[in-house]
N, C-alpha and C. Protein backbone atom coordinates (compact mmCIF):
# COMPACT_ATOMS: atom_id res chain seq x y z
N MET A 1 57.23 -9.52 39.76
CA MET A 1 56.38 -9.63 38.60
C MET A 1 56.12 -11.10 38.31
N LYS A 2 54.87 -11.45 38.15
CA LYS A 2 54.47 -12.81 37.85
C LYS A 2 54.52 -13.06 36.35
N THR A 3 54.99 -14.25 35.97
CA THR A 3 55.07 -14.62 34.56
C THR A 3 54.03 -15.69 34.27
N ASN A 4 53.45 -15.63 33.09
CA ASN A 4 52.45 -16.60 32.68
C ASN A 4 53.15 -17.91 32.31
N CYS A 5 52.77 -19.00 32.97
CA CYS A 5 53.41 -20.29 32.72
C CYS A 5 53.00 -20.89 31.38
N LEU A 6 52.03 -20.30 30.69
CA LEU A 6 51.62 -20.80 29.38
C LEU A 6 52.72 -20.63 28.33
N SER A 7 53.69 -19.76 28.61
CA SER A 7 54.78 -19.55 27.66
C SER A 7 55.88 -20.61 27.79
N VAL A 8 55.78 -21.48 28.78
CA VAL A 8 56.78 -22.54 28.98
C VAL A 8 56.49 -23.65 27.99
N GLU A 9 57.51 -24.01 27.21
CA GLU A 9 57.34 -25.00 26.15
C GLU A 9 58.45 -26.04 26.22
N VAL A 10 58.09 -27.30 26.14
CA VAL A 10 59.07 -28.38 26.05
C VAL A 10 59.45 -28.52 24.58
N VAL A 11 60.75 -28.57 24.31
CA VAL A 11 61.24 -28.71 22.94
C VAL A 11 61.77 -30.12 22.76
N ASN A 12 61.21 -30.84 21.80
CA ASN A 12 61.70 -32.17 21.46
C ASN A 12 62.75 -32.00 20.35
N ILE A 13 64.00 -32.20 20.70
CA ILE A 13 65.10 -31.95 19.78
C ILE A 13 65.01 -32.83 18.53
N ASP A 14 64.73 -34.11 18.69
CA ASP A 14 64.63 -35.00 17.52
C ASP A 14 63.52 -34.54 16.58
N HIS A 15 62.38 -34.16 17.13
CA HIS A 15 61.28 -33.68 16.29
C HIS A 15 61.69 -32.41 15.53
N LYS A 16 62.28 -31.47 16.23
CA LYS A 16 62.69 -30.21 15.58
C LYS A 16 63.70 -30.49 14.47
N LEU A 17 64.65 -31.40 14.73
CA LEU A 17 65.64 -31.73 13.70
C LEU A 17 65.00 -32.39 12.48
N SER A 18 63.88 -33.08 12.68
CA SER A 18 63.19 -33.74 11.56
C SER A 18 62.46 -32.74 10.65
N LEU A 19 62.33 -31.50 11.08
CA LEU A 19 61.57 -30.50 10.32
C LEU A 19 62.38 -29.81 9.23
N PHE A 20 63.68 -30.05 9.16
CA PHE A 20 64.49 -29.40 8.12
C PHE A 20 65.64 -30.31 7.69
N ASN A 21 66.16 -30.03 6.50
CA ASN A 21 67.26 -30.81 5.94
C ASN A 21 68.43 -29.97 5.46
N ASP A 22 68.29 -28.66 5.47
CA ASP A 22 69.36 -27.82 4.95
C ASP A 22 70.53 -27.75 5.93
N TYR A 23 71.72 -27.65 5.38
CA TYR A 23 72.94 -27.60 6.17
C TYR A 23 73.39 -26.16 6.41
N TRP A 24 74.05 -25.95 7.54
CA TRP A 24 74.67 -24.68 7.91
C TRP A 24 73.65 -23.54 8.00
N SER A 25 72.42 -23.85 8.34
CA SER A 25 71.37 -22.84 8.47
C SER A 25 70.66 -23.04 9.80
N PRO A 26 71.23 -22.52 10.89
CA PRO A 26 70.67 -22.74 12.23
C PRO A 26 69.22 -22.26 12.34
N LYS A 27 68.40 -23.07 13.01
CA LYS A 27 67.00 -22.74 13.26
C LYS A 27 66.82 -22.44 14.75
N ILE A 28 66.09 -21.40 15.06
CA ILE A 28 65.85 -21.02 16.45
C ILE A 28 64.77 -21.92 17.04
N VAL A 29 65.08 -22.54 18.19
CA VAL A 29 64.10 -23.41 18.86
C VAL A 29 63.74 -22.89 20.25
N GLY A 30 64.38 -21.82 20.67
CA GLY A 30 64.08 -21.25 21.98
C GLY A 30 64.89 -20.00 22.22
N ARG A 31 64.55 -19.33 23.29
CA ARG A 31 65.30 -18.12 23.69
C ARG A 31 65.63 -18.23 25.17
N LEU A 32 66.81 -17.78 25.51
CA LEU A 32 67.32 -17.83 26.88
C LEU A 32 67.92 -16.47 27.20
N ASN A 33 67.20 -15.67 27.97
CA ASN A 33 67.62 -14.29 28.23
C ASN A 33 67.79 -13.58 26.89
N ASP A 34 68.95 -13.04 26.61
CA ASP A 34 69.17 -12.35 25.33
C ASP A 34 69.87 -13.25 24.31
N HIS A 35 69.71 -14.55 24.48
CA HIS A 35 70.36 -15.52 23.59
C HIS A 35 69.35 -16.35 22.83
N LYS A 36 69.77 -16.84 21.68
CA LYS A 36 68.94 -17.75 20.90
C LYS A 36 69.51 -19.16 21.05
N VAL A 37 68.62 -20.12 21.24
CA VAL A 37 68.98 -21.53 21.29
C VAL A 37 68.63 -22.07 19.91
N GLN A 38 69.62 -22.67 19.24
CA GLN A 38 69.45 -23.06 17.85
C GLN A 38 69.83 -24.51 17.62
N LEU A 39 69.22 -25.10 16.61
CA LEU A 39 69.62 -26.41 16.13
C LEU A 39 70.09 -26.25 14.70
N ALA A 40 71.08 -27.06 14.33
CA ALA A 40 71.58 -27.01 12.96
C ALA A 40 72.07 -28.38 12.55
N LYS A 41 72.00 -28.60 11.25
CA LYS A 41 72.61 -29.78 10.63
C LYS A 41 73.79 -29.27 9.82
N LEU A 42 74.90 -29.96 9.95
CA LEU A 42 76.12 -29.55 9.27
C LEU A 42 76.64 -30.68 8.40
N LYS A 43 77.21 -30.32 7.27
CA LYS A 43 77.90 -31.30 6.43
C LYS A 43 78.82 -30.53 5.50
N GLY A 44 80.07 -30.98 5.41
CA GLY A 44 81.05 -30.29 4.59
C GLY A 44 81.82 -29.28 5.42
N GLU A 45 82.44 -28.35 4.71
CA GLU A 45 83.26 -27.32 5.38
C GLU A 45 82.50 -26.01 5.47
N PHE A 46 82.71 -25.30 6.56
CA PHE A 46 82.15 -23.96 6.74
C PHE A 46 83.21 -22.96 6.30
N VAL A 47 83.12 -21.74 6.73
CA VAL A 47 84.07 -20.70 6.35
C VAL A 47 84.91 -20.29 7.57
N TRP A 48 86.13 -19.83 7.31
CA TRP A 48 86.93 -19.26 8.39
C TRP A 48 86.24 -17.99 8.85
N HIS A 49 86.08 -17.83 10.17
CA HIS A 49 85.44 -16.63 10.70
C HIS A 49 85.75 -16.51 12.19
N HIS A 50 85.36 -15.38 12.74
CA HIS A 50 85.40 -15.20 14.19
C HIS A 50 84.25 -14.27 14.58
N HIS A 51 84.02 -14.20 15.86
CA HIS A 51 82.99 -13.31 16.40
C HIS A 51 83.72 -12.28 17.26
N ASP A 52 83.52 -11.02 16.94
CA ASP A 52 84.26 -9.95 17.62
C ASP A 52 84.01 -9.89 19.11
N ASN A 53 82.75 -10.05 19.53
CA ASN A 53 82.39 -9.82 20.93
C ASN A 53 81.70 -10.98 21.62
N GLU A 54 81.40 -12.04 20.90
CA GLU A 54 80.58 -13.11 21.46
C GLU A 54 81.30 -14.45 21.44
N ASP A 55 81.15 -15.18 22.53
CA ASP A 55 81.61 -16.57 22.56
C ASP A 55 80.55 -17.42 21.87
N GLU A 56 80.95 -18.61 21.43
CA GLU A 56 80.03 -19.48 20.69
C GLU A 56 80.08 -20.88 21.30
N LEU A 57 78.90 -21.42 21.64
CA LEU A 57 78.81 -22.76 22.22
C LEU A 57 78.29 -23.74 21.18
N PHE A 58 79.02 -24.84 20.98
CA PHE A 58 78.60 -25.93 20.10
C PHE A 58 78.40 -27.17 20.97
N LEU A 59 77.21 -27.75 20.95
CA LEU A 59 76.94 -29.02 21.62
C LEU A 59 76.60 -30.03 20.52
N VAL A 60 77.41 -31.08 20.40
CA VAL A 60 77.19 -32.07 19.35
C VAL A 60 76.17 -33.10 19.84
N ILE A 61 75.06 -33.17 19.14
CA ILE A 61 73.99 -34.11 19.46
C ILE A 61 74.21 -35.43 18.74
N LYS A 62 74.66 -35.33 17.48
CA LYS A 62 74.89 -36.52 16.65
C LYS A 62 76.08 -36.27 15.75
N GLY A 63 76.99 -37.24 15.68
CA GLY A 63 78.11 -37.14 14.76
C GLY A 63 79.38 -36.64 15.42
N LYS A 64 80.29 -36.17 14.56
CA LYS A 64 81.60 -35.70 15.01
C LYS A 64 81.92 -34.40 14.29
N LEU A 65 82.13 -33.34 15.06
CA LEU A 65 82.43 -32.03 14.51
C LEU A 65 83.93 -31.76 14.65
N ILE A 66 84.52 -31.33 13.55
CA ILE A 66 85.93 -30.95 13.55
C ILE A 66 85.97 -29.42 13.51
N ILE A 67 86.80 -28.83 14.35
CA ILE A 67 86.95 -27.37 14.33
C ILE A 67 88.43 -27.06 14.17
N HIS A 68 88.71 -26.34 13.08
CA HIS A 68 90.08 -25.94 12.76
C HIS A 68 90.36 -24.56 13.36
N PHE A 69 91.55 -24.41 13.90
CA PHE A 69 92.07 -23.13 14.36
C PHE A 69 93.37 -22.88 13.61
N SER A 70 93.94 -21.71 13.74
CA SER A 70 95.17 -21.42 13.01
C SER A 70 96.33 -22.31 13.43
N ASP A 71 96.32 -22.78 14.68
CA ASP A 71 97.46 -23.55 15.18
C ASP A 71 97.14 -24.98 15.58
N ARG A 72 95.87 -25.39 15.45
CA ARG A 72 95.52 -26.78 15.79
C ARG A 72 94.10 -27.09 15.34
N THR A 73 93.74 -28.35 15.46
CA THR A 73 92.41 -28.82 15.12
C THR A 73 91.89 -29.64 16.28
N ILE A 74 90.60 -29.47 16.61
CA ILE A 74 89.99 -30.27 17.67
C ILE A 74 88.83 -31.07 17.10
N VAL A 75 88.48 -32.13 17.79
CA VAL A 75 87.32 -32.95 17.43
C VAL A 75 86.34 -32.90 18.60
N VAL A 76 85.09 -32.61 18.29
CA VAL A 76 84.04 -32.58 19.29
C VAL A 76 83.09 -33.73 18.95
N ASN A 77 83.06 -34.72 19.81
CA ASN A 77 82.27 -35.92 19.58
C ASN A 77 80.85 -35.77 20.10
N GLU A 78 80.00 -36.71 19.69
CA GLU A 78 78.62 -36.76 20.14
C GLU A 78 78.58 -36.72 21.68
N GLY A 79 77.72 -35.86 22.22
CA GLY A 79 77.60 -35.73 23.66
C GLY A 79 78.61 -34.78 24.29
N GLU A 80 79.44 -34.14 23.47
CA GLU A 80 80.44 -33.19 23.97
C GLU A 80 80.08 -31.78 23.50
N LEU A 81 80.62 -30.80 24.21
CA LEU A 81 80.45 -29.42 23.80
C LEU A 81 81.77 -28.69 23.88
N VAL A 82 81.82 -27.58 23.16
CA VAL A 82 82.99 -26.72 23.20
C VAL A 82 82.50 -25.28 23.13
N VAL A 83 83.20 -24.40 23.84
CA VAL A 83 82.93 -22.97 23.76
C VAL A 83 84.12 -22.33 23.06
N ILE A 84 83.84 -21.65 21.96
CA ILE A 84 84.88 -20.93 21.22
C ILE A 84 84.84 -19.49 21.70
N PRO A 85 85.92 -19.05 22.38
CA PRO A 85 85.92 -17.66 22.88
C PRO A 85 86.12 -16.66 21.74
N HIS A 86 85.56 -15.48 21.93
CA HIS A 86 85.80 -14.43 20.95
C HIS A 86 87.19 -13.86 21.18
N PRO A 87 87.89 -13.39 20.25
CA PRO A 87 87.67 -13.40 18.80
C PRO A 87 88.50 -14.49 18.10
N VAL A 88 88.47 -15.69 18.59
CA VAL A 88 89.29 -16.78 18.02
C VAL A 88 88.75 -17.18 16.65
N GLU A 89 89.61 -17.10 15.65
CA GLU A 89 89.22 -17.51 14.30
C GLU A 89 89.14 -19.03 14.24
N HIS A 90 88.09 -19.52 13.58
CA HIS A 90 87.88 -20.97 13.50
C HIS A 90 87.10 -21.32 12.24
N LYS A 91 87.18 -22.60 11.88
CA LYS A 91 86.44 -23.12 10.72
C LYS A 91 85.90 -24.49 11.07
N PRO A 92 84.57 -24.60 11.28
CA PRO A 92 83.97 -25.91 11.54
C PRO A 92 83.95 -26.76 10.26
N GLU A 93 84.01 -28.06 10.47
CA GLU A 93 83.94 -29.01 9.36
C GLU A 93 83.20 -30.26 9.83
N ALA A 94 82.37 -30.79 8.94
CA ALA A 94 81.61 -32.01 9.25
C ALA A 94 81.73 -32.96 8.05
N PRO A 95 82.70 -33.89 8.10
CA PRO A 95 82.85 -34.82 6.98
C PRO A 95 81.57 -35.64 6.73
N GLU A 96 80.87 -35.97 7.79
CA GLU A 96 79.57 -36.65 7.72
C GLU A 96 78.55 -35.74 8.41
N GLU A 97 77.27 -35.99 8.19
CA GLU A 97 76.24 -35.13 8.80
C GLU A 97 76.38 -35.08 10.32
N VAL A 98 76.31 -33.87 10.85
CA VAL A 98 76.40 -33.62 12.28
C VAL A 98 75.18 -32.80 12.69
N HIS A 99 74.62 -33.10 13.86
CA HIS A 99 73.52 -32.31 14.42
C HIS A 99 74.07 -31.60 15.66
N ILE A 100 73.84 -30.30 15.74
CA ILE A 100 74.37 -29.53 16.87
C ILE A 100 73.30 -28.63 17.47
N LEU A 101 73.54 -28.25 18.72
CA LEU A 101 72.78 -27.22 19.40
C LEU A 101 73.75 -26.07 19.63
N LEU A 102 73.32 -24.87 19.31
CA LEU A 102 74.14 -23.66 19.47
C LEU A 102 73.42 -22.70 20.40
N ILE A 103 74.18 -21.99 21.20
CA ILE A 103 73.62 -20.90 22.00
C ILE A 103 74.48 -19.68 21.72
N GLU A 104 73.82 -18.62 21.25
CA GLU A 104 74.51 -17.38 20.89
C GLU A 104 73.61 -16.18 21.21
N PRO A 105 74.20 -15.01 21.41
CA PRO A 105 73.38 -13.80 21.58
C PRO A 105 72.50 -13.57 20.36
N GLU A 106 71.35 -12.94 20.57
CA GLU A 106 70.35 -12.71 19.53
C GLU A 106 70.90 -12.09 18.26
N ASN A 107 71.80 -11.14 18.37
CA ASN A 107 72.23 -10.37 17.20
C ASN A 107 73.40 -10.99 16.43
N VAL A 108 73.85 -12.16 16.80
CA VAL A 108 75.03 -12.76 16.19
C VAL A 108 74.67 -13.45 14.87
N LEU A 109 75.48 -13.18 13.84
CA LEU A 109 75.36 -13.89 12.57
C LEU A 109 76.16 -15.17 12.64
N ASN A 110 75.70 -16.20 11.96
CA ASN A 110 76.39 -17.49 11.99
C ASN A 110 77.78 -17.44 11.39
N THR A 111 78.05 -16.48 10.50
CA THR A 111 79.37 -16.36 9.90
C THR A 111 80.21 -15.26 10.56
N GLY A 112 79.76 -14.77 11.70
CA GLY A 112 80.56 -13.82 12.48
C GLY A 112 80.94 -12.58 11.71
N ASN A 113 82.26 -12.40 11.54
CA ASN A 113 82.80 -11.17 10.98
C ASN A 113 82.80 -11.12 9.46
N ILE A 114 82.36 -12.18 8.78
CA ILE A 114 82.38 -12.17 7.33
C ILE A 114 80.97 -12.38 6.78
N SER A 115 80.82 -12.02 5.52
CA SER A 115 79.56 -12.27 4.82
C SER A 115 79.87 -13.23 3.68
N SER A 116 79.09 -14.30 3.60
CA SER A 116 79.31 -15.28 2.53
C SER A 116 77.97 -15.88 2.14
N LYS A 117 77.99 -16.80 1.20
CA LYS A 117 76.75 -17.45 0.78
C LYS A 117 76.14 -18.26 1.92
N ARG A 118 76.90 -18.55 2.96
CA ARG A 118 76.39 -19.30 4.11
C ARG A 118 75.84 -18.41 5.22
N THR A 119 75.95 -17.10 5.07
CA THR A 119 75.41 -16.18 6.08
C THR A 119 73.89 -16.24 6.09
N VAL A 120 73.33 -16.46 7.27
CA VAL A 120 71.87 -16.49 7.43
C VAL A 120 71.47 -15.17 8.09
N ILE A 121 70.80 -14.33 7.32
CA ILE A 121 70.40 -13.01 7.83
C ILE A 121 69.13 -13.11 8.68
N LYS A 122 68.12 -13.76 8.14
CA LYS A 122 66.84 -13.89 8.86
C LYS A 122 66.65 -15.36 9.21
N GLN A 123 66.80 -15.68 10.47
CA GLN A 123 66.68 -17.06 10.92
C GLN A 123 65.24 -17.47 11.09
N GLU A 124 64.99 -18.72 10.76
CA GLU A 124 63.66 -19.30 10.92
C GLU A 124 63.53 -19.83 12.35
N LYS A 125 62.37 -19.60 12.95
CA LYS A 125 62.06 -20.20 14.25
C LYS A 125 61.16 -21.39 13.98
N ILE A 126 61.55 -22.55 14.50
CA ILE A 126 60.73 -23.76 14.30
C ILE A 126 60.26 -24.30 15.63
């Protein structure tokens, strides 16, 4: 089956990040098979959560992301990535503004197994 090359789009990450200022609200910038490619700005603490069936990839574009686990804390620096396997409970934290790229399956909520004021039900595509 032939695919139309008109659907191929170059995404400028800096430009997409300039289009929003809200924290902890991932924006969809592309799709990869059954996954969404997202950009987000983070600042402050998130909520403790886990994902029952999905691993979660965080790629830090700018800043330093701290991720707390029940038994330790890790730091993910600019230019580094980490994959959080399911169902590991974790809590991201960004003392200063952090820009990240996330890749997750289409149906995954950003707060995983919990519902909170930070849960994004309908994600914006930019």
